[in-house]
C-alpha atoms as a PDB file:
ATOM      1  CA  MET A   1     -38.001  -0.432  -1.653  1.00  0.00           C
ATOM      2  CA  LEU A   2     -37.610   0.897  -5.325  1.00  0.00           C
ATOM      3  CA  LEU A   3     -35.512   3.712  -3.853  1.00  0.00           C
ATOM      4  CA  LEU A   4     -32.869   0.937  -2.116  1.00  0.00           C
ATOM      5  CA  LEU A   5     -32.475  -0.785  -5.536  1.00  0.00           C
ATOM      6  CA  ALA A   6     -32.647   2.949  -7.045  1.00  0.00           C
ATOM      7  CA  SER A   7     -29.420   3.450  -5.596  1.00  0.00           C
ATOM      8  CA  PHE A   8     -27.369   0.337  -6.541  1.00  0.00           C
ATOM      9  CA  ALA A   9     -24.180   0.665  -9.379  1.00  0.00           C
ATOM     10  CA  PRO A  10     -25.978  -1.594 -12.140  1.00  0.00           C
ATOM     11  CA  VAL A  11     -22.825  -3.726 -14.314  1.00  0.00           C
ATOM     12  CA  ASP A  12     -23.983  -5.764 -16.606  1.00  0.00           C
ATOM     13  CA  GLY A  13     -26.729  -6.991 -15.060  1.00  0.00           C
ATOM     14  CA  VAL A  14     -25.128  -7.257 -11.338  1.00  0.00           C
ATOM     15  CA  PHE A  15     -25.687  -5.084  -8.966  1.00  0.00           C
ATOM     16  CA  LEU A  16     -22.862  -4.219  -6.519  1.00  0.00           C
ATOM     17  CA  SER A  17     -25.179  -2.565  -2.643  1.00  0.00           C
ATOM     18  CA  ASN A  18     -23.799   0.326  -1.454  1.00  0.00           C
ATOM     19  CA  LEU A  19     -21.915   1.866  -4.606  1.00  0.00           C
ATOM     20  CA  ASN A  20     -23.502   4.670  -4.743  1.00  0.00           C
ATOM     21  CA  ALA A  21     -24.020   8.423  -6.047  1.00  0.00           C
ATOM     22  CA  THR A  22     -22.619   9.000  -2.288  1.00  0.00           C
ATOM     23  CA  CYS A  23     -19.766   6.410  -2.009  1.00  0.00           C
ATOM     24  CA  PHE A  24     -18.872   8.064  -5.387  1.00  0.00           C
ATOM     25  CA  ARG A  25     -19.127  11.015  -4.434  1.00  0.00           C
ATOM     26  CA  CYS A  26     -17.040  10.819  -0.947  1.00  0.00           C
ATOM     27  CA  ILE A  27     -14.331   8.278  -3.365  1.00  0.00           C
ATOM     28  CA  CYS A  28     -13.834  11.464  -5.245  1.00  0.00           C
ATOM     29  CA  GLU A  29     -14.302  13.821  -2.783  1.00  0.00           C
ATOM     30  CA  ALA A  30     -11.296  12.334  -1.230  1.00  0.00           C
ATOM     31  CA  SER A  31      -9.451  11.537  -4.141  1.00  0.00           C
ATOM     32  CA  THR A  32      -8.755  15.519  -5.524  1.00  0.00           C
ATOM     33  CA  GLY A  33     -11.797  17.610  -3.932  1.00  0.00           C
ATOM     34  CA  CYS A  34     -13.587  16.723  -6.707  1.00  0.00           C
ATOM     35  CA  SER A  35     -12.294  18.866  -9.496  1.00  0.00           C
ATOM     36  CA  THR A  36     -13.497  18.618 -12.635  1.00  0.00           C
ATOM     37  CA  ALA A  37     -10.437  20.819 -13.331  1.00  0.00           C
ATOM     38  CA  THR A  38      -7.994  18.211 -12.318  1.00  0.00           C
ATOM     39  CA  THR A  39      -6.364  16.424 -15.485  1.00  0.00           C
ATOM     40  CA  CYS A  40      -3.780  13.862 -15.181  1.00  0.00           C
ATOM     41  CA  ARG A  41      -1.343  14.617 -12.399  1.00  0.00           C
ATOM     42  CA  GLN A  42       2.119  11.997 -12.349  1.00  0.00           C
ATOM     43  CA  SER A  43       0.017   9.218 -13.954  1.00  0.00           C
ATOM     44  CA  TYR A  44      -2.852   9.637 -12.244  1.00  0.00           C
ATOM     45  CA  CYS A  45      -5.788  10.954 -13.892  1.00  0.00           C
ATOM     46  CA  GLY A  46      -9.176  13.196 -13.503  1.00  0.00           C
ATOM     47  CA  PRO A  47     -11.432  13.487 -10.484  1.00  0.00           C
ATOM     48  CA  PHE A  48     -11.147   9.962  -9.061  1.00  0.00           C
ATOM     49  CA  SER A  49      -7.123  10.057  -9.363  1.00  0.00           C
ATOM     50  CA  ILE A  50      -7.283   6.961 -11.631  1.00  0.00           C
ATOM     51  CA  SER A  51      -4.063   5.275 -13.332  1.00  0.00           C
ATOM     52  CA  ARG A  52      -3.297   3.480 -15.811  1.00  0.00           C
ATOM     53  CA  ALA A  53      -3.069   0.511 -15.021  1.00  0.00           C
ATOM     54  CA  TYR A  54      -6.517   0.948 -12.775  1.00  0.00           C
ATOM     55  CA  TRP A  55      -8.087   1.811 -16.134  1.00  0.00           C
ATOM     56  CA  MET A  56      -6.851  -1.479 -18.154  1.00  0.00           C
ATOM     57  CA  ASP A  57      -7.640  -4.217 -15.391  1.00  0.00           C
ATOM     58  CA  ALA A  58     -11.086  -2.633 -15.018  1.00  0.00           C
ATOM     59  CA  GLY A  59     -12.021  -3.384 -19.565  1.00  0.00           C
ATOM     60  CA  ARG A  60     -10.762  -0.166 -20.507  1.00  0.00           C
ATOM     61  CA  VAL A  61     -13.822   1.895 -20.035  1.00  0.00           C
ATOM     62  CA  VAL A  62     -14.379   4.355 -22.482  1.00  0.00           C
ATOM     63  CA  LEU A  63     -16.273   7.486 -23.372  1.00  0.00           C
ATOM     64  CA  PRO A  64     -19.432   6.953 -25.781  1.00  0.00           C
ATOM     65  CA  ALA A  65     -17.757   6.526 -29.399  1.00  0.00           C
ATOM     66  CA  ASP A  66     -14.497   6.510 -28.656  1.00  0.00           C
ATOM     67  CA  GLU A  67     -12.234   3.075 -28.838  1.00  0.00           C
ATOM     68  CA  PRO A  68     -10.247   2.137 -25.678  1.00  0.00           C
ATOM     69  CA  THR A  69      -7.008   1.509 -27.950  1.00  0.00           C
ATOM     70  CA  ARG A  70      -7.078   5.535 -29.006  1.00  0.00           C
ATOM     71  CA  TRP A  71      -3.975   7.499 -27.655  1.00  0.00           C
ATOM     72  CA  GLY A  72      -5.554   9.487 -25.089  1.00  0.00           C
ATOM     73  CA  ALA A  73      -9.498   7.256 -24.893  1.00  0.00           C
ATOM     74  CA  PHE A  74      -8.044   6.697 -20.990  1.00  0.00           C
ATOM     75  CA  GLU A  75      -7.315  10.191 -19.817  1.00  0.00           C
ATOM     76  CA  ASP A  76     -10.661  11.802 -21.793  1.00  0.00           C
ATOM     77  CA  CYS A  77     -12.493   9.169 -19.681  1.00  0.00           C
ATOM     78  CA  ALA A  78     -10.591   9.518 -16.356  1.00  0.00           C
ATOM     79  CA  ASN A  79     -11.142  13.242 -16.685  1.00  0.00           C
ATOM     80  CA  ASP A  80     -14.529  12.886 -17.230  1.00  0.00           C
ATOM     81  CA  TYR A  81     -16.830  12.574 -14.307  1.00  0.00           C
ATOM     82  CA  GLU A  82     -19.330  10.184 -15.708  1.00  0.00           C
ATOM     83  CA  CYS A  83     -16.789   8.190 -17.642  1.00  0.00           C
ATOM     84  CA  ALA A  84     -15.371   8.050 -14.661  1.00  0.00           C
ATOM     85  CA  THR A  85     -17.381   6.661 -11.982  1.00  0.00           C
ATOM     86  CA  GLY A  86     -17.566   3.275 -14.600  1.00  0.00           C
ATOM     87  CA  ILE A  87     -14.593   3.098 -14.501  1.00  0.00           C
ATOM     88  CA  VAL A  88     -14.701   3.069 -11.040  1.00  0.00           C
ATOM     89  CA  THR A  89     -17.711   0.576 -11.098  1.00  0.00           C
ATOM     90  CA  GLN A  90     -16.272  -2.042 -13.142  1.00  0.00           C
ATOM     91  CA  TYR A  91     -12.556  -2.328 -11.401  1.00  0.00           C
ATOM     92  CA  MET A  92     -15.117  -2.181  -7.869  1.00  0.00           C
ATOM     93  CA  GLU A  93     -17.323  -4.747  -9.382  1.00  0.00           C
ATOM     94  CA  LYS A  94     -14.420  -7.864 -10.794  1.00  0.00           C
ATOM     95  CA  TYR A  95     -12.845  -6.923  -7.012  1.00  0.00           C
ATOM     96  CA  GLY A  96     -15.877  -6.515  -5.178  1.00  0.00           C
ATOM     97  CA  THR A  97     -15.116  -7.985  -1.666  1.00  0.00           C
ATOM     98  CA  ASP A  98     -15.042  -7.244   2.203  1.00  0.00           C
ATOM     99  CA  CYS A  99     -11.516  -5.701   2.572  1.00  0.00           C
ATOM    100  CA  ASN A 100     -11.388  -4.473   6.444  1.00  0.00           C
ATOM    101  CA  GLY A 101     -13.114  -8.292   7.914  1.00  0.00           C
ATOM    102  CA  ASP A 102     -16.590  -6.362   9.225  1.00  0.00           C
ATOM    103  CA  GLY A 103     -18.992  -9.009   6.913  1.00  0.00           C
ATOM    104  CA  LEU A 104     -20.447  -6.496   4.933  1.00  0.00           C
ATOM    105  CA  VAL A 105     -19.424  -5.401   1.280  1.00  0.00           C
ATOM    106  CA  ASP A 106     -20.041  -1.500   1.120  1.00  0.00           C
ATOM    107  CA  CYS A 107     -18.822   1.694   0.195  1.00  0.00           C
ATOM    108  CA  VAL A 108     -15.310   2.126   3.131  1.00  0.00           C
ATOM    109  CA  ASP A 109     -14.621  -1.897   1.363  1.00  0.00           C
ATOM    110  CA  TYR A 110     -14.766  -0.319  -2.884  1.00  0.00           C
ATOM    111  CA  THR A 111     -12.479   3.127  -1.234  1.00  0.00           C
ATOM    112  CA  MET A 112     -10.049   1.038  -0.109  1.00  0.00           C
ATOM    113  CA  LEU A 113     -10.426  -1.619  -3.784  1.00  0.00           C
ATOM    114  CA  HIS A 114      -9.843   1.718  -4.821  1.00  0.00           C
ATOM    115  CA  VAL A 115      -7.239   3.438  -3.206  1.00  0.00           C
ATOM    116  CA  ASN A 116      -5.308  -0.057  -1.791  1.00  0.00           C
ATOM    117  CA  GLY A 117      -5.879  -2.057  -5.453  1.00  0.00           C
ATOM    118  CA  GLY A 118      -8.443  -5.018  -5.499  1.00  0.00           C
ATOM    119  CA  PRO A 119      -5.382  -7.953  -4.364  1.00  0.00           C
ATOM    120  CA  ARG A 120      -3.991  -5.874  -1.366  1.00  0.00           C
ATOM    121  CA  CYS A 121      -7.254  -3.690  -0.240  1.00  0.00           C
ATOM    122  CA  GLN A 122      -6.944  -5.105   3.386  1.00  0.00           C
ATOM    123  CA  GLY A 123      -4.290  -2.083   3.788  1.00  0.00           C
ATOM    124  CA  VAL A 124      -6.054   1.019   5.951  1.00  0.00           C
ATOM    125  CA  LEU A 125      -7.585   4.096   5.027  1.00  0.00           C
ATOM    126  CA  SER A 126      -5.097   6.776   6.274  1.00  0.00           C
ATOM    127  CA  GLY A 127      -4.241  10.814   6.310  1.00  0.00           C
ATOM    128  CA  THR A 128      -5.666  12.667   4.532  1.00  0.00           C
ATOM    129  CA  PHE A 129      -7.528  10.790   2.165  1.00  0.00           C
ATOM    130  CA  ALA A 130      -9.133   9.452   5.445  1.00  0.00           C
ATOM    131  CA  THR A 131     -10.164  12.296   6.251  1.00  0.00           C
ATOM    132  CA  ARG A 132     -12.096  14.153   3.677  1.00  0.00           C
ATOM    133  CA  PHE A 133     -13.544  10.134   2.825  1.00  0.00           C
ATOM    134  CA  HIS A 134     -15.085   9.763   6.072  1.00  0.00           C
ATOM    135  CA  GLN A 135     -16.096  13.557   6.941  1.00  0.00           C
ATOM    136  CA  CYS A 136     -17.644  13.203   3.127  1.00  0.00           C
ATOM    137  CA  LEU A 137     -19.949   9.854   4.871  1.00  0.00           C
ATOM    138  CA  ARG A 138     -20.425  11.498   8.012  1.00  0.00           C
ATOM    139  CA  GLU A 139     -21.862  15.116   6.160  1.00  0.00           C
ATOM    140  CA  ARG A 140     -24.256  12.742   3.373  1.00  0.00           C
ATOM    141  CA  THR A 141     -25.805  10.967   5.669  1.00  0.00           C
ATOM    142  CA  ARG A 142     -26.160  13.829   8.659  1.00  0.00           C
ATOM    143  CA  SER A 143     -27.642  15.848   5.018  1.00  0.00           C
ATOM    144  CA  ALA A 144     -29.916  12.698   3.429  1.00  0.00           C
ATOM    145  CA  ALA A 145     -31.285  11.595   7.852  1.00  0.00           C
ATOM    146  CA  GLN A 146     -31.890  15.293   7.561  1.00  0.00           C
ATOM    147  CA  GLY A 147     -33.563  14.717   3.801  1.00  0.00           C
ATOM    148  CA  THR A 148     -30.914  17.490   2.332  1.00  0.00           C
ATOM    149  CA  VAL A 149     -28.665  16.046  -0.266  1.00  0.00           C
ATOM    150  CA  ARG A 150     -26.171  17.807  -1.296  1.00  0.00           C
ATOM    151  CA  THR A 151     -24.418  16.894  -5.534  1.00  0.00           C
END
């Protein structure tokens, strides 16, 4: 049971079930191949391909000792994997809902939120993003079942 609790993402004392390292990694893999070399392209930044509006909606998360009002604070955080997971976590905490109507709020719902946005998260995942996301989830689930989780 302790391992199960450790896989939840804490946000100001709130725990988001199923928003764990595997879910983050698969959203990241589907977004950019999880490239830490990814910078900003067409106003989307970092390994999760986060927009400035998404960052603002998530509460302007920044690197430790940084200020959200500093020019470049968004880009620096979004381009840093750990900081970017904080942005995604805050966004999911704000909008977390059952996007696909299956009665559960899980990694698929968080991914739908990430791609489609909180107010309209019901949009189906499709294209290359969906293929990469589902493949990552299958591989990591299989690896976890075999006891060989990749990082």
